[in-house]
Amino acid sequence: MNTSPAPPQSVCLLRLSALGDVTHVLPLIRSLRAAWPEVEITWVIGKGEHRLLDGLPGVHFVEYDKKSGLGGMWALRKALKARLGKRKRFDVLLQMQVAARANLLSAFIPAKLRVGYDKSRSKDLHGLFINTRIPDQPGIHVLDAIGSFCEPLGLRQAEVVWDMPVPAEAFDWARAQWPDDGRPVLMISPASSHVRRNWRPERYAELANHAAAEGWRVVLCGGRSDLERELGDAIMAKMELAPQDLIGKDTLKQLPALLSRADLLVTPDSGPMHIANAMGTKVLGLHAASNPLRSGPYSDVRYCVDRYDDAARKFLGKPAGELKWGTKIEFDDVMDLVTVDDAIAAFERYRADQTLGAR
């Protein structure tokens, strides 16, 4: 890794959400700290995302509540100025979110060098709030785009390391949920916050029934929202054998530990997909609304179902290769393109690889 001739003393990161995207920021932080162990890193982040990453070494978190509006932005500026003291501004701001609210919020963060996205990824007047852009590298994963934020600083993200900050008691809780009896575990996290990315519950149930018939333990997980509870209940109603239901029973600190106990996670494009990947768990991702090469599990997409090109042709009238990189195809029923046979085939690919000793 190259080191910058003039390392900054202070770096501020702006990435408020979501759970999966803030997970993608961890390798960037590892790269910054590997090159500059003494650099002060401040991260402006959302409340839930802070709960997930609390305890990350060498990072000072400052929460911003999206519901607080301009008042919250002024309060943030006051908190940052108090942290900066006589320095008055950060050496570097990494503005890693292009939504209008985040762009406006960045104006309340004093910084000399303001690094933002390249023009192809910019929107909502993003260019007005930055003075340096990351390289334009089309066709790369979201994590690699975030990782490239260190390049204007003279660095390169040479390796991808997460090291999620998960306390020992979270692993203790996860170990207590079922015995280590040798049965492989299929975990299902069925809900994305983008409801058009979600699969039908009866299809999850058919996949779960197939796994259970092969001797797998099936575990449902998810948050405390009504959507997740209703989706979990609908899946269980269609299953032949009752799964272990952990929906709404874990905390954000326990979630990574829980996901690490699965052999294979089934999920649409969602935060748990990326957290599981960061914890080393293989993912059977269900993709039609989004491109797995851009936003699938970073380490391994071998067990993903990819119907993104089919969705592009059906709903947008052109192949995926002709779409702007990152285009979402979030139409009603788009996830119906992902069949039960697709998911079972992906599940069996995983089983075959384990039989052959693949890693």
Protein backbone atom coordinates (compact mmCIF):
# COMPACT_ATOMS: atom_id res chain seq x y z
CA MET A 1 0.00 0.00 0.00
CA ASN A 2 1.33 3.44 -0.88
CA THR A 3 1.49 6.04 1.87
CA SER A 4 0.61 9.66 1.36
CA PRO A 5 3.49 12.16 1.61
CA ALA A 6 1.35 14.34 3.83
CA PRO A 7 -1.01 12.19 5.94
CA PRO A 8 -4.03 14.05 7.29
CA GLN A 9 -4.45 14.45 11.03
CA SER A 10 -8.24 14.24 10.91
CA VAL A 11 -10.73 12.57 8.56
CA CYS A 12 -14.52 12.83 8.73
CA LEU A 13 -16.70 10.19 7.06
CA LEU A 14 -20.29 10.90 6.09
CA ARG A 15 -22.31 7.75 5.50
CA LEU A 16 -25.60 7.70 7.37
CA SER A 17 -27.16 4.47 6.15
CA ALA A 18 -28.01 1.72 5.45
CA LEU A 19 -26.82 -1.32 7.43
CA GLY A 20 -25.31 -3.02 4.39
CA ASP A 21 -23.64 0.12 3.09
CA VAL A 22 -22.01 1.03 6.39
CA THR A 23 -20.64 -2.51 6.49
CA HIS A 24 -18.97 -1.71 3.16
CA VAL A 25 -17.15 1.21 4.81
CA LEU A 26 -15.24 -0.98 7.28
CA PRO A 27 -12.50 -2.07 4.83
CA LEU A 28 -11.89 1.59 3.96
CA ILE A 29 -11.40 2.42 7.63
CA ARG A 30 -9.00 -0.51 7.98
CA SER A 31 -7.03 0.85 5.01
CA LEU A 32 -6.87 4.37 6.47
CA ARG A 33 -5.71 3.15 9.86
CA ALA A 34 -3.17 0.73 8.38
CA ALA A 35 -1.51 3.61 6.52
CA TRP A 36 -1.96 6.24 9.22
CA PRO A 37 -2.33 4.67 12.68
CA GLU A 38 -2.55 8.07 14.38
CA VAL A 39 -5.23 9.60 12.15
CA GLU A 40 -8.36 10.78 13.97
CA ILE A 41 -11.47 9.38 12.28
CA THR A 42 -14.92 10.84 12.93
CA TRP A 43 -17.94 9.17 11.36
CA VAL A 44 -21.29 10.94 10.94
CA ILE A 45 -23.75 8.05 10.95
CA GLY A 46 -27.38 7.05 11.51
CA LYS A 47 -28.64 5.80 14.87
CA GLY A 48 -29.25 2.17 13.92
CA GLU A 49 -26.01 1.95 11.99
CA HIS A 50 -24.17 3.31 15.02
CA ARG A 51 -25.66 0.56 17.19
CA LEU A 52 -24.36 -2.03 14.73
CA LEU A 53 -20.81 -0.63 14.62
CA ASP A 54 -20.45 0.76 18.13
CA GLY A 55 -17.07 -0.17 19.57
CA LEU A 56 -15.18 0.06 16.28
CA PRO A 57 -11.60 0.86 17.35
CA GLY A 58 -10.17 4.24 16.45
CA VAL A 59 -13.47 5.78 15.30
CA HIS A 60 -15.49 8.52 17.00
CA PHE A 61 -19.15 8.33 16.00
CA VAL A 62 -21.49 11.31 15.76
CA GLU A 63 -25.14 10.41 15.19
CA TYR A 64 -27.45 12.33 12.92
CA ASP A 65 -31.18 11.64 13.06
CA LYS A 66 -32.71 12.00 9.60
CA LYS A 67 -35.96 13.19 11.18
CA SER A 68 -34.27 16.14 12.90
CA GLY A 69 -34.08 18.28 9.76
CA LEU A 70 -32.16 21.54 9.69
CA GLY A 71 -32.19 21.78 13.49
CA GLY A 72 -30.32 18.51 13.65
CA MET A 73 -27.85 19.73 11.06
CA TRP A 74 -27.02 22.81 13.12
CA ALA A 75 -26.68 20.63 16.22
CA LEU A 76 -24.32 18.38 14.32
CA ARG A 77 -22.17 21.33 13.26
CA LYS A 78 -21.98 22.49 16.87
CA ALA A 79 -20.93 19.01 18.05
CA LEU A 80 -18.27 18.75 15.35
CA LYS A 81 -16.86 22.22 16.11
CA ALA A 82 -16.58 21.27 19.78
CA ARG A 83 -14.68 18.12 18.76
CA LEU A 84 -12.38 20.04 16.43
CA GLY A 85 -11.58 22.75 18.94
CA LYS A 86 -8.91 25.17 17.72
CA ARG A 87 -8.44 23.25 14.46
CA LYS A 88 -11.84 24.52 13.27
CA ARG A 89 -12.12 22.06 10.38
CA PHE A 90 -11.23 18.53 9.33
CA ASP A 91 -8.36 17.93 6.97
CA VAL A 92 -10.57 15.62 4.88
CA LEU A 93 -14.27 14.90 4.48
CA LEU A 94 -15.22 11.69 2.69
CA GLN A 95 -18.76 12.39 1.49
CA MET A 96 -19.95 8.86 0.68
CA GLN A 97 -23.69 9.44 0.25
CA VAL A 98 -25.30 11.29 -2.63
CA ALA A 99 -28.92 11.68 -1.47
CA ALA A 100 -30.12 15.27 -1.21
CA ARG A 101 -30.31 15.21 2.60
CA ALA A 102 -26.76 13.91 2.92
CA ASN A 103 -25.47 16.47 0.43
CA LEU A 104 -27.04 19.30 2.42
CA LEU A 105 -25.80 17.84 5.69
CA SER A 106 -22.25 17.77 4.33
CA ALA A 107 -22.36 21.56 4.03
CA PHE A 108 -22.48 21.69 7.85
CA ILE A 109 -19.22 19.75 8.12
CA PRO A 110 -16.15 22.01 7.89
CA ALA A 111 -13.32 20.42 5.89
CA LYS A 112 -10.46 21.43 3.61
CA LEU A 113 -10.52 18.53 1.17
CA ARG A 114 -14.03 17.33 0.35
CA VAL A 115 -13.98 14.04 -1.52
CA GLY A 116 -17.13 12.85 -3.30
CA TYR A 117 -18.31 10.47 -5.99
CA ASP A 118 -17.35 10.62 -9.64
CA LYS A 119 -19.82 12.31 -11.99
CA SER A 120 -21.45 9.08 -13.13
CA ARG A 121 -22.50 8.25 -9.56
CA SER A 122 -23.45 11.80 -8.56
CA LYS A 123 -26.98 13.07 -8.14
CA ASP A 124 -28.99 15.67 -6.22
CA LEU A 125 -26.36 18.41 -6.75
CA HIS A 126 -23.66 16.28 -5.12
CA GLY A 127 -20.93 18.10 -7.07
CA LEU A 128 -21.74 21.41 -5.37
CA PHE A 129 -20.69 20.07 -1.96
CA ILE A 130 -17.31 18.53 -2.85
CA ASN A 131 -14.04 19.71 -4.38
CA THR A 132 -12.44 16.37 -5.31
CA ARG A 133 -13.89 13.24 -6.88
CA ILE A 134 -13.01 9.55 -6.67
CA PRO A 135 -11.87 7.90 -9.93
CA ASP A 136 -14.61 6.98 -12.38
CA GLN A 137 -14.44 3.18 -12.42
CA PRO A 138 -17.59 1.78 -14.01
CA GLY A 139 -18.87 -1.68 -13.31
CA ILE A 140 -17.49 -2.15 -9.81
CA HIS A 141 -19.10 -3.35 -6.60
CA VAL A 142 -20.43 -0.79 -4.11
CA LEU A 143 -17.73 -1.83 -1.63
CA ASP A 144 -14.98 -1.15 -4.16
CA ALA A 145 -16.47 2.26 -4.97
CA ILE A 146 -16.44 3.15 -1.28
CA GLY A 147 -12.93 1.75 -0.96
CA SER A 148 -11.73 4.06 -3.72
CA PHE A 149 -12.40 7.09 -1.49
CA CYS A 150 -8.88 6.70 -0.16
CA GLU A 151 -7.33 7.08 -3.64
CA PRO A 152 -7.46 10.91 -3.76
CA LEU A 153 -5.48 10.73 -0.49
CA GLY A 154 -2.68 8.77 -2.14
CA LEU A 155 -3.75 5.36 -0.82
CA ARG A 156 -5.26 2.23 -2.32
CA GLN A 157 -7.45 -0.34 -0.64
CA ALA A 158 -5.17 -3.30 -1.20
CA GLU A 159 -7.14 -5.81 0.85
CA VAL A 160 -10.67 -6.13 2.15
CA VAL A 161 -10.88 -6.69 5.91
CA TRP A 162 -14.06 -6.18 7.94
CA ASP A 163 -13.43 -7.29 11.54
CA MET A 164 -16.94 -6.40 12.64
CA PRO A 165 -16.99 -5.11 16.24
CA VAL A 166 -19.00 -7.93 17.82
CA PRO A 167 -18.74 -8.35 21.61
CA ALA A 168 -18.12 -11.75 23.21
CA GLU A 169 -21.53 -11.72 24.89
CA ALA A 170 -23.21 -11.48 21.47
CA PHE A 171 -21.48 -14.69 20.39
CA ASP A 172 -22.50 -16.28 23.72
CA TRP A 173 -26.13 -15.38 23.01
CA ALA A 174 -25.94 -16.77 19.46
CA ARG A 175 -24.40 -20.05 20.67
CA ALA A 176 -27.24 -20.47 23.15
CA GLN A 177 -29.97 -20.41 20.48
CA TRP A 178 -29.48 -24.01 19.28
CA PRO A 179 -27.08 -26.85 20.05
CA ASP A 180 -24.01 -27.66 17.99
CA ASP A 181 -25.34 -31.05 16.95
CA GLY A 182 -23.71 -31.25 13.53
CA ARG A 183 -26.80 -30.29 11.54
CA PRO A 184 -26.13 -27.62 8.91
CA VAL A 185 -28.12 -24.41 9.32
CA LEU A 186 -30.12 -22.64 6.65
CA MET A 187 -30.96 -19.19 7.95
CA ILE A 188 -33.65 -17.14 6.25
CA SER A 189 -33.69 -13.35 6.58
CA PRO A 190 -36.69 -12.75 4.32
CA ALA A 191 -37.18 -9.00 4.33
CA SER A 192 -35.49 -6.07 2.66
CA SER A 193 -36.52 -2.54 3.58
CA HIS A 194 -37.25 -2.17 -0.15
CA VAL A 195 -40.42 -4.24 -0.26
CA ARG A 196 -40.26 -4.84 -4.02
CA ARG A 197 -37.04 -6.79 -3.46
CA ASN A 198 -38.86 -9.30 -1.25
CA TRP A 199 -39.70 -12.84 -2.33
CA ARG A 200 -43.05 -14.51 -1.79
CA PRO A 201 -43.39 -16.33 1.56
CA GLU A 202 -44.64 -19.55 -0.02
CA ARG A 203 -41.46 -19.71 -2.08
CA TYR A 204 -39.27 -19.31 0.99
CA ALA A 205 -41.32 -22.09 2.57
CA GLU A 206 -40.75 -24.44 -0.37
CA LEU A 207 -37.01 -23.87 -0.22
CA ALA A 208 -37.06 -24.34 3.57
CA ASN A 209 -39.04 -27.58 3.21
CA HIS A 210 -36.45 -28.86 0.75
CA ALA A 211 -33.60 -28.03 3.13
CA ALA A 212 -35.38 -29.59 6.10
CA ALA A 213 -35.96 -32.78 4.11
CA GLU A 214 -32.18 -32.94 3.60
CA GLY A 215 -31.60 -32.75 7.34
CA TRP A 216 -30.93 -29.04 7.69
CA ARG A 217 -32.00 -26.91 10.62
CA VAL A 218 -34.04 -23.92 9.39
CA VAL A 219 -33.85 -20.67 11.34
CA LEU A 220 -35.80 -17.47 10.62
CA CYS A 221 -34.30 -14.13 11.61
CA GLY A 222 -35.27 -10.50 11.17
CA GLY A 223 -36.06 -7.27 12.90
CA ARG A 224 -39.03 -6.04 14.89
CA SER A 225 -41.05 -4.40 12.12
CA ASP A 226 -44.61 -5.49 11.35
CA LEU A 227 -43.51 -6.40 7.81
CA GLU A 228 -40.86 -8.83 9.06
CA ARG A 229 -43.21 -10.41 11.58
CA GLU A 230 -45.97 -10.86 9.01
CA LEU A 231 -43.58 -12.28 6.43
CA GLY A 232 -42.13 -14.71 8.97
CA ASP A 233 -45.60 -15.88 10.05
CA ALA A 234 -46.60 -16.42 6.41
CA ILE A 235 -43.47 -18.52 5.80
CA MET A 236 -44.08 -20.67 8.87
CA ALA A 237 -47.72 -21.23 7.90
CA LYS A 238 -46.55 -22.89 4.66
CA MET A 239 -43.77 -25.01 6.16
CA GLU A 240 -44.12 -28.72 6.83
CA LEU A 241 -41.85 -28.61 9.90
CA ALA A 242 -41.73 -25.60 12.21
CA PRO A 243 -38.47 -23.64 11.87
CA GLN A 244 -36.73 -21.94 14.75
CA ASP A 245 -38.24 -18.48 14.88
CA LEU A 246 -35.81 -15.76 15.99
CA ILE A 247 -37.50 -12.86 14.22
CA GLY A 248 -37.40 -9.81 16.48
CA LYS A 249 -35.42 -11.61 19.20
CA ASP A 250 -31.90 -10.33 18.57
CA THR A 251 -30.27 -6.92 18.82
CA LEU A 252 -28.15 -5.26 16.15
CA LYS A 253 -25.07 -6.27 18.13
CA GLN A 254 -26.25 -9.90 18.27
CA LEU A 255 -27.22 -10.05 14.58
CA PRO A 256 -23.67 -10.50 13.20
CA ALA A 257 -22.98 -13.26 15.72
CA LEU A 258 -26.25 -14.96 14.82
CA LEU A 259 -25.53 -14.78 11.09
CA SER A 260 -22.06 -16.23 11.69
CA ARG A 261 -23.66 -19.44 13.02
CA ALA A 262 -25.46 -20.12 9.72
CA ASP A 263 -23.93 -22.32 7.06
CA LEU A 264 -25.96 -20.55 4.39
CA LEU A 265 -28.13 -17.41 4.56
CA VAL A 266 -31.08 -16.92 2.20
CA THR A 267 -32.06 -13.29 1.73
CA PRO A 268 -32.91 -10.67 -0.88
CA ASP A 269 -30.60 -7.69 -1.38
CA SER A 270 -30.55 -6.51 2.23
CA GLY A 271 -28.39 -5.44 5.15
CA PRO A 272 -28.14 -8.98 6.60
CA MET A 273 -26.73 -10.15 3.25
CA HIS A 274 -23.70 -7.89 3.65
CA ILE A 275 -23.31 -8.41 7.39
CA ALA A 276 -23.33 -12.19 6.87
CA ASN A 277 -20.74 -11.85 4.12
CA ALA A 278 -18.55 -9.75 6.43
CA MET A 279 -18.82 -12.50 9.06
CA GLY A 280 -17.72 -15.18 6.60
CA THR A 281 -21.11 -16.82 6.03
CA LYS A 282 -22.06 -17.87 2.51
CA VAL A 283 -25.15 -16.19 1.04
CA LEU A 284 -27.87 -17.46 -1.26
CA GLY A 285 -28.89 -14.04 -2.52
CA LEU A 286 -32.15 -13.55 -4.40
CA HIS A 287 -31.62 -10.97 -7.14
CA ALA A 288 -33.93 -9.60 -9.79
CA ALA A 289 -34.48 -6.00 -8.69
CA SER A 290 -30.73 -5.38 -8.26
CA ASN A 291 -27.50 -6.54 -9.85
CA PRO A 292 -25.56 -9.03 -7.67
CA LEU A 293 -22.30 -7.97 -9.31
CA ARG A 294 -22.83 -4.48 -7.92
CA SER A 295 -24.66 -5.07 -4.64
CA GLY A 296 -24.55 -8.80 -3.96
CA PRO A 297 -22.43 -10.52 -1.29
CA TYR A 298 -18.97 -9.14 -1.99
CA SER A 299 -16.85 -12.20 -1.30
CA ASP A 300 -18.79 -14.88 -3.15
CA VAL A 301 -21.77 -14.73 -5.53
CA ARG A 302 -21.63 -18.42 -6.52
CA TYR A 303 -24.80 -19.22 -4.61
CA CYS A 304 -26.84 -16.21 -5.70
CA VAL A 305 -29.82 -16.40 -8.03
CA ASP A 306 -29.38 -13.79 -10.72
CA ARG A 307 -32.49 -12.79 -12.68
CA TYR A 308 -31.41 -9.16 -13.11
CA ASP A 309 -30.99 -9.43 -16.88
CA ASP A 310 -34.42 -11.08 -17.20
CA ALA A 311 -35.90 -8.23 -15.17
CA ALA A 312 -34.20 -5.61 -17.36
CA ARG A 313 -35.59 -7.18 -20.51
CA LYS A 314 -39.10 -7.64 -19.12
CA PHE A 315 -39.60 -4.33 -17.31
CA LEU A 316 -37.20 -1.94 -19.10
CA GLY A 317 -37.11 -3.46 -22.57
CA LYS A 318 -33.33 -3.83 -22.83
CA PRO A 319 -30.63 -6.19 -21.58
CA ALA A 320 -28.88 -5.44 -18.32
CA GLY A 321 -25.68 -4.62 -20.19
CA GLU A 322 -27.35 -1.55 -21.69
CA LEU A 323 -28.51 -0.13 -18.35
CA LYS A 324 -26.66 2.48 -16.34
CA TRP A 325 -24.59 0.68 -13.72
CA GLY A 326 -26.55 0.52 -10.48
CA THR A 327 -30.02 0.76 -12.03
CA LYS A 328 -32.67 -0.69 -9.71
CA ILE A 329 -35.57 -2.57 -11.28
CA GLU A 330 -38.03 -2.29 -8.42
CA PHE A 331 -41.36 -3.09 -10.04
CA ASP A 332 -44.30 -4.99 -8.62
CA ASP A 333 -43.77 -8.75 -9.07
CA VAL A 334 -40.18 -8.38 -10.33
CA MET A 335 -39.07 -10.94 -7.73
CA ASP A 336 -41.46 -13.49 -9.21
CA LEU A 337 -38.75 -13.98 -11.83
CA VAL A 338 -36.79 -15.81 -9.11
CA THR A 339 -38.32 -19.29 -9.04
CA VAL A 340 -38.25 -21.92 -6.34
CA ASP A 341 -36.28 -24.12 -8.73
CA ASP A 342 -33.69 -21.34 -9.03
CA ALA A 343 -33.26 -21.18 -5.27
CA ILE A 344 -33.15 -24.96 -4.80
CA ALA A 345 -30.52 -25.20 -7.56
CA ALA A 346 -28.40 -22.58 -5.75
CA PHE A 347 -28.86 -24.45 -2.46
CA GLU A 348 -27.75 -27.68 -4.11
CA ARG A 349 -24.69 -25.92 -5.60
CA TYR A 350 -23.67 -25.04 -2.09
CA ARG A 351 -24.22 -28.60 -0.85
CA ALA A 352 -22.24 -30.03 -3.74
CA ASP A 353 -19.33 -27.70 -3.08
CA GLN A 354 -19.29 -28.69 0.59
CA THR A 355 -19.28 -32.36 -0.38
CA LEU A 356 -16.27 -31.68 -2.62
CA GLY A 357 -14.56 -29.72 0.13
CA ALA A 358 -14.81 -26.33 -1.65
CA ARG A 359 -14.34 -23.19 0.41
